[in-house]
Amino acid sequence: MRRFFIMPLNVVIAWGALVTFMMAQAPAQMAPAAEPPADLEVSLLDDLVAANRVLAAKGVLDALGHVSVRDSHNPNRYWMSRSLAPALVTPSDIMEFDLDSNPLDRKGRALYVERFIHGEIYKARPDVNAIVHSHSPTVIPFSVTKVPLQPVLHNASFLSFGAPVFDTRTIAADSDLLIRSPALGAALAKTLGSTAAVVLLRGHGDAVVASSLPDAVFRAYYTEINAREQEQAIALGGKDVVYITPGEAATREKEGHQSFARSWELWKREVMAK
């Protein structure tokens, strides 16, 4: 004969309350992360995420600044993160933009205010496939003085192509110095010109361009390093600083890509392994 255990009513109520309490205290299930963009090559997507993290790790980018890459199949599109601190960028944060810097699929995400830096430079420079905008700290003094940023270091030989200074006052008086519009972006691109690899933004930062994403990262990092070393050289030698010549720069830019690739391989592995 089976025996049934009848639980007292007060115990049933207490047990139910305990279960309800435990369920309430359990962490809510996180919503699934957004999918990475399907139209972007995996290697390019990985490189764009790594570029953000490398430049943050190197102190070129802080909570601000951004990196973009032109689409390898459609030159009228580029890819960049949603508005986010570069060190926190993941594949799901990457967005596609047209050259007017309109997102193709915004999904309610915040956008970088200065995305026009990227779209307008890509319009003006078909040779450019990657751009870094930073507030590289040692570069700033060269944007507000009459001392031009020039290459003292072989790894910054690209500065021999010029590093002109863009002043927002030529377009908008009493602005906040940010590139908030296509007109400001187009004026910045015009100042960059057809050959320079770097344009300084008065009292603000710089934009560094290159034909590939690894080269843009390399240039952005060594723009900051060269600024430090030029400052030290001027402190030691005044006007007697010996700069890299245009001929030396041309040779270095032609022969130096092996070291660029080696640096990129190391930097990417360091940040993506974390």
Protein backbone atom coordinates (compact mmCIF):
# COMPACT_ATOMS: atom_id res chain seq x y z
CA MET A 1 0.00 0.00 0.00
CA ARG A 2 1.45 3.36 -1.04
CA ARG A 3 1.77 6.10 1.50
CA PHE A 4 1.45 9.74 0.50
CA PHE A 5 3.20 12.55 2.30
CA ILE A 6 1.02 15.61 2.58
CA MET A 7 3.05 18.79 3.07
CA PRO A 8 1.47 21.27 5.47
CA LEU A 9 0.02 24.34 3.78
CA ASN A 10 2.34 26.77 5.58
CA VAL A 11 5.39 24.79 4.33
CA VAL A 12 4.08 24.87 0.74
CA ILE A 13 3.63 28.64 0.93
CA ALA A 14 7.10 29.14 2.40
CA TRP A 15 8.69 26.91 -0.26
CA GLY A 16 6.97 28.79 -3.05
CA ALA A 17 8.14 32.10 -1.66
CA LEU A 18 11.72 30.81 -1.47
CA VAL A 19 11.67 29.65 -5.12
CA THR A 20 10.24 33.00 -6.24
CA PHE A 21 12.95 34.87 -4.31
CA MET A 22 15.76 32.76 -5.78
CA MET A 23 14.47 33.28 -9.32
CA ALA A 24 14.32 37.03 -8.75
CA GLN A 25 17.92 37.08 -7.51
CA ALA A 26 19.27 35.07 -10.47
CA PRO A 27 20.99 37.26 -13.08
CA ALA A 28 18.82 38.07 -16.06
CA GLN A 29 19.83 36.30 -19.24
CA MET A 30 21.83 38.70 -21.39
CA ALA A 31 20.45 39.61 -24.77
CA PRO A 32 22.48 38.05 -27.57
CA ALA A 33 25.18 40.32 -28.98
CA ALA A 34 24.57 41.94 -32.34
CA GLU A 35 25.98 39.99 -35.25
CA PRO A 36 29.16 41.29 -36.88
CA PRO A 37 28.54 42.84 -40.31
CA ALA A 38 28.08 40.05 -42.83
CA ASP A 39 29.38 42.06 -45.79
CA LEU A 40 32.80 42.78 -44.30
CA GLU A 41 35.64 40.31 -44.86
CA VAL A 42 36.60 38.49 -41.67
CA SER A 43 40.26 39.49 -41.98
CA LEU A 44 39.41 43.17 -42.51
CA LEU A 45 36.93 43.09 -39.64
CA ASP A 46 39.53 41.57 -37.32
CA ASP A 47 42.10 44.14 -38.41
CA LEU A 48 39.72 47.04 -37.79
CA VAL A 49 38.94 45.83 -34.27
CA ALA A 50 42.66 45.26 -33.65
CA ALA A 51 43.56 48.72 -34.98
CA ASN A 52 41.30 50.37 -32.42
CA ARG A 53 42.75 48.32 -29.59
CA VAL A 54 46.39 48.70 -30.66
CA LEU A 55 46.21 52.48 -30.83
CA ALA A 56 44.46 52.60 -27.47
CA ALA A 57 47.15 50.35 -25.95
CA LYS A 58 49.86 52.58 -27.43
CA GLY A 59 48.32 55.73 -25.95
CA VAL A 60 47.56 57.30 -29.32
CA LEU A 61 43.80 56.94 -28.75
CA ASP A 62 42.12 57.32 -25.38
CA ALA A 63 38.36 57.27 -24.86
CA LEU A 64 38.12 59.41 -27.98
CA GLY A 65 39.30 59.14 -31.58
CA HIS A 66 38.42 56.62 -34.26
CA VAL A 67 39.72 54.39 -37.03
CA SER A 68 38.15 53.54 -40.38
CA VAL A 69 38.90 51.37 -43.38
CA ARG A 70 37.59 51.65 -46.93
CA ASP A 71 35.57 48.70 -48.18
CA SER A 72 37.86 46.46 -50.23
CA HIS A 73 35.10 45.72 -52.79
CA ASN A 74 33.25 49.03 -52.91
CA PRO A 75 35.40 52.20 -52.76
CA ASN A 76 32.27 54.26 -52.08
CA ARG A 77 31.81 52.66 -48.66
CA TYR A 78 33.85 52.57 -45.49
CA TRP A 79 33.67 50.78 -42.15
CA MET A 80 34.03 52.21 -38.67
CA SER A 81 32.83 51.45 -35.15
CA ARG A 82 29.74 52.96 -33.59
CA SER A 83 30.58 55.75 -31.14
CA LEU A 84 32.57 53.90 -28.52
CA ALA A 85 35.92 54.11 -26.72
CA PRO A 86 38.41 52.42 -29.11
CA ALA A 87 39.70 49.96 -26.50
CA LEU A 88 36.18 48.53 -26.17
CA VAL A 89 35.44 47.98 -29.87
CA THR A 90 34.26 44.48 -30.87
CA PRO A 91 33.20 43.05 -34.25
CA SER A 92 29.52 43.68 -33.49
CA ASP A 93 30.22 47.43 -33.12
CA ILE A 94 31.41 47.88 -36.70
CA MET A 95 29.12 49.81 -39.05
CA GLU A 96 29.07 50.54 -42.78
CA PHE A 97 28.96 54.13 -44.08
CA ASP A 98 28.67 55.77 -47.47
CA LEU A 99 31.11 58.54 -48.39
CA ASP A 100 28.64 61.16 -47.14
CA SER A 101 29.17 59.45 -43.77
CA ASN A 102 25.60 58.19 -43.55
CA PRO A 103 25.26 54.77 -41.88
CA LEU A 104 23.65 52.13 -44.07
CA ASP A 105 22.05 50.31 -41.15
CA ARG A 106 22.15 52.42 -38.00
CA LYS A 107 19.92 50.26 -35.77
CA GLY A 108 19.65 53.08 -33.24
CA ARG A 109 23.39 53.14 -32.55
CA ALA A 110 25.28 56.31 -31.65
CA LEU A 111 27.64 57.69 -34.30
CA TYR A 112 30.96 59.49 -34.02
CA VAL A 113 30.32 63.21 -34.45
CA GLU A 114 33.51 63.59 -36.51
CA ARG A 115 32.85 60.79 -38.98
CA PHE A 116 33.00 63.44 -41.74
CA ILE A 117 36.79 63.38 -41.40
CA HIS A 118 36.71 59.91 -42.93
CA GLY A 119 34.08 60.27 -45.65
CA GLU A 120 35.45 63.52 -47.03
CA ILE A 121 39.06 62.31 -47.10
CA TYR A 122 38.00 59.11 -48.88
CA LYS A 123 36.19 61.24 -51.46
CA ALA A 124 39.24 63.42 -52.05
CA ARG A 125 41.95 60.74 -51.90
CA PRO A 126 41.30 57.54 -53.91
CA ASP A 127 44.73 56.29 -52.79
CA VAL A 128 43.67 56.31 -49.12
CA ASN A 129 42.16 53.11 -47.72
CA ALA A 130 42.47 53.70 -43.98
CA ILE A 131 42.28 56.72 -41.66
CA VAL A 132 43.08 57.30 -38.00
CA HIS A 133 41.86 60.39 -36.16
CA SER A 134 43.47 60.91 -32.77
CA HIS A 135 44.29 63.53 -30.18
CA SER A 136 47.89 62.31 -30.13
CA PRO A 137 49.23 64.34 -27.19
CA THR A 138 52.71 65.39 -28.28
CA VAL A 139 51.48 66.32 -31.75
CA ILE A 140 49.18 69.08 -30.47
CA PRO A 141 51.94 71.69 -29.83
CA PHE A 142 52.95 71.46 -33.50
CA SER A 143 49.39 72.45 -34.44
CA VAL A 144 49.47 75.68 -32.44
CA THR A 145 53.00 76.95 -33.09
CA LYS A 146 55.00 77.85 -36.18
CA VAL A 147 57.26 74.81 -35.73
CA PRO A 148 56.39 72.32 -38.49
CA LEU A 149 56.20 68.62 -37.71
CA GLN A 150 59.11 67.06 -39.63
CA PRO A 151 60.69 63.59 -39.64
CA VAL A 152 63.64 63.02 -37.36
CA LEU A 153 63.03 59.27 -37.16
CA HIS A 154 63.29 56.84 -40.06
CA ASN A 155 60.01 55.16 -39.08
CA ALA A 156 58.28 58.53 -39.48
CA SER A 157 59.78 59.26 -42.90
CA PHE A 158 56.24 59.67 -44.29
CA LEU A 159 56.16 63.08 -42.56
CA SER A 160 58.46 64.26 -45.31
CA PHE A 161 55.36 64.29 -47.53
CA GLY A 162 54.10 67.17 -45.37
CA ALA A 163 52.02 67.66 -42.24
CA PRO A 164 49.91 70.76 -42.92
CA VAL A 165 47.76 72.36 -40.23
CA PHE A 166 44.00 72.78 -40.66
CA ASP A 167 42.35 75.60 -38.72
CA THR A 168 38.57 75.37 -38.25
CA ARG A 169 38.44 79.18 -38.11
CA THR A 170 38.81 79.24 -41.89
CA ILE A 171 35.32 77.72 -42.08
CA ALA A 172 33.61 78.37 -38.75
CA ALA A 173 34.51 81.05 -36.22
CA ASP A 174 34.17 80.25 -32.52
CA SER A 175 33.47 76.56 -33.13
CA ASP A 176 34.31 73.75 -30.71
CA LEU A 177 37.12 72.75 -33.16
CA LEU A 178 35.39 69.45 -34.01
CA ILE A 179 34.79 68.33 -37.59
CA ARG A 180 31.01 68.18 -37.26
CA SER A 181 29.94 68.74 -40.87
CA PRO A 182 30.71 67.71 -44.45
CA ALA A 183 31.92 71.27 -45.14
CA LEU A 184 34.51 71.07 -42.38
CA GLY A 185 35.51 67.58 -43.48
CA ALA A 186 35.95 68.72 -47.08
CA ALA A 187 38.07 71.70 -45.98
CA LEU A 188 40.21 69.37 -43.87
CA ALA A 189 40.68 67.02 -46.84
CA LYS A 190 41.68 69.98 -49.02
CA THR A 191 44.33 70.99 -46.48
CA LEU A 192 45.64 67.41 -46.37
CA GLY A 193 46.17 67.70 -50.13
CA SER A 194 47.05 64.97 -52.59
CA THR A 195 50.31 63.67 -51.11
CA ALA A 196 50.53 64.28 -47.35
CA ALA A 197 50.09 61.37 -44.95
CA VAL A 198 49.19 63.52 -41.94
CA VAL A 199 47.12 66.64 -41.39
CA LEU A 200 47.14 68.41 -38.03
CA LEU A 201 44.00 69.96 -36.58
CA ARG A 202 44.77 73.16 -34.69
CA GLY A 203 44.36 72.65 -30.96
CA HIS A 204 42.70 69.31 -31.55
CA GLY A 205 44.72 66.43 -32.97
CA ASP A 206 45.52 64.89 -36.32
CA ALA A 207 44.26 62.65 -39.09
CA VAL A 208 46.65 60.06 -40.49
CA VAL A 209 46.03 58.32 -43.81
CA ALA A 210 47.53 55.32 -45.58
CA SER A 211 46.90 52.80 -48.32
CA SER A 212 46.23 50.02 -45.80
CA LEU A 213 44.98 49.66 -42.24
CA PRO A 214 48.26 48.29 -40.79
CA ASP A 215 50.19 51.16 -42.39
CA ALA A 216 47.72 53.71 -41.01
CA VAL A 217 48.20 52.30 -37.51
CA PHE A 218 51.99 52.34 -37.94
CA ARG A 219 51.92 55.93 -39.15
CA ALA A 220 49.60 57.13 -36.38
CA TYR A 221 51.85 55.59 -33.74
CA TYR A 222 55.10 56.92 -35.21
CA THR A 223 53.62 60.37 -35.76
CA GLU A 224 53.31 60.57 -31.98
CA ILE A 225 56.78 59.05 -31.42
CA ASN A 226 58.39 61.44 -33.92
CA ALA A 227 56.71 64.43 -32.27
CA ARG A 228 58.28 63.44 -28.94
CA GLU A 229 61.71 62.96 -30.50
CA GLN A 230 61.53 66.17 -32.54
CA GLU A 231 60.61 68.09 -29.41
CA GLN A 232 63.63 66.59 -27.62
CA ALA A 233 65.92 67.31 -30.58
CA ILE A 234 64.81 70.95 -30.70
CA ALA A 235 65.41 71.25 -26.95
CA LEU A 236 68.95 69.94 -27.46
CA GLY A 237 69.91 71.46 -30.78
CA GLY A 238 67.57 74.35 -31.44
CA LYS A 239 67.60 75.12 -35.17
CA ASP A 240 70.45 72.69 -35.80
CA VAL A 241 68.24 69.57 -35.96
CA VAL A 242 69.03 67.29 -38.91
CA TYR A 243 65.81 66.02 -40.48
CA ILE A 244 65.19 63.06 -42.79
CA THR A 245 65.61 64.26 -46.38
CA PRO A 246 62.89 63.77 -49.03
CA GLY A 247 65.16 61.34 -50.88
CA GLU A 248 65.77 59.30 -47.74
CA ALA A 249 62.06 59.35 -47.01
CA ALA A 250 61.19 58.05 -50.47
CA THR A 251 63.68 55.20 -50.09
CA ARG A 252 62.43 54.34 -46.62
CA GLU A 253 58.79 54.31 -47.70
CA LYS A 254 59.62 51.97 -50.57
CA GLU A 255 61.79 49.60 -48.55
CA GLY A 256 60.22 49.77 -45.09
CA HIS A 257 57.03 47.71 -45.46
CA GLN A 258 58.62 44.57 -44.05
CA SER A 259 59.16 46.27 -40.70
CA PHE A 260 55.65 47.74 -40.88
CA ALA A 261 54.25 44.22 -41.29
CA ARG A 262 56.39 42.87 -38.45
CA SER A 263 55.16 45.58 -36.09
CA TRP A 264 51.54 44.98 -37.06
CA GLU A 265 51.82 41.24 -36.50
CA LEU A 266 53.19 41.78 -32.99
CA TRP A 267 50.79 44.55 -32.00
CA LYS A 268 47.74 42.71 -33.25
CA ARG A 269 48.69 39.51 -31.43
CA GLU A 270 49.27 41.44 -28.20
CA VAL A 271 45.82 43.06 -28.12
CA MET A 272 43.72 40.25 -29.61
CA ALA A 273 45.14 37.63 -27.22
CA LYS A 274 43.63 39.44 -24.21
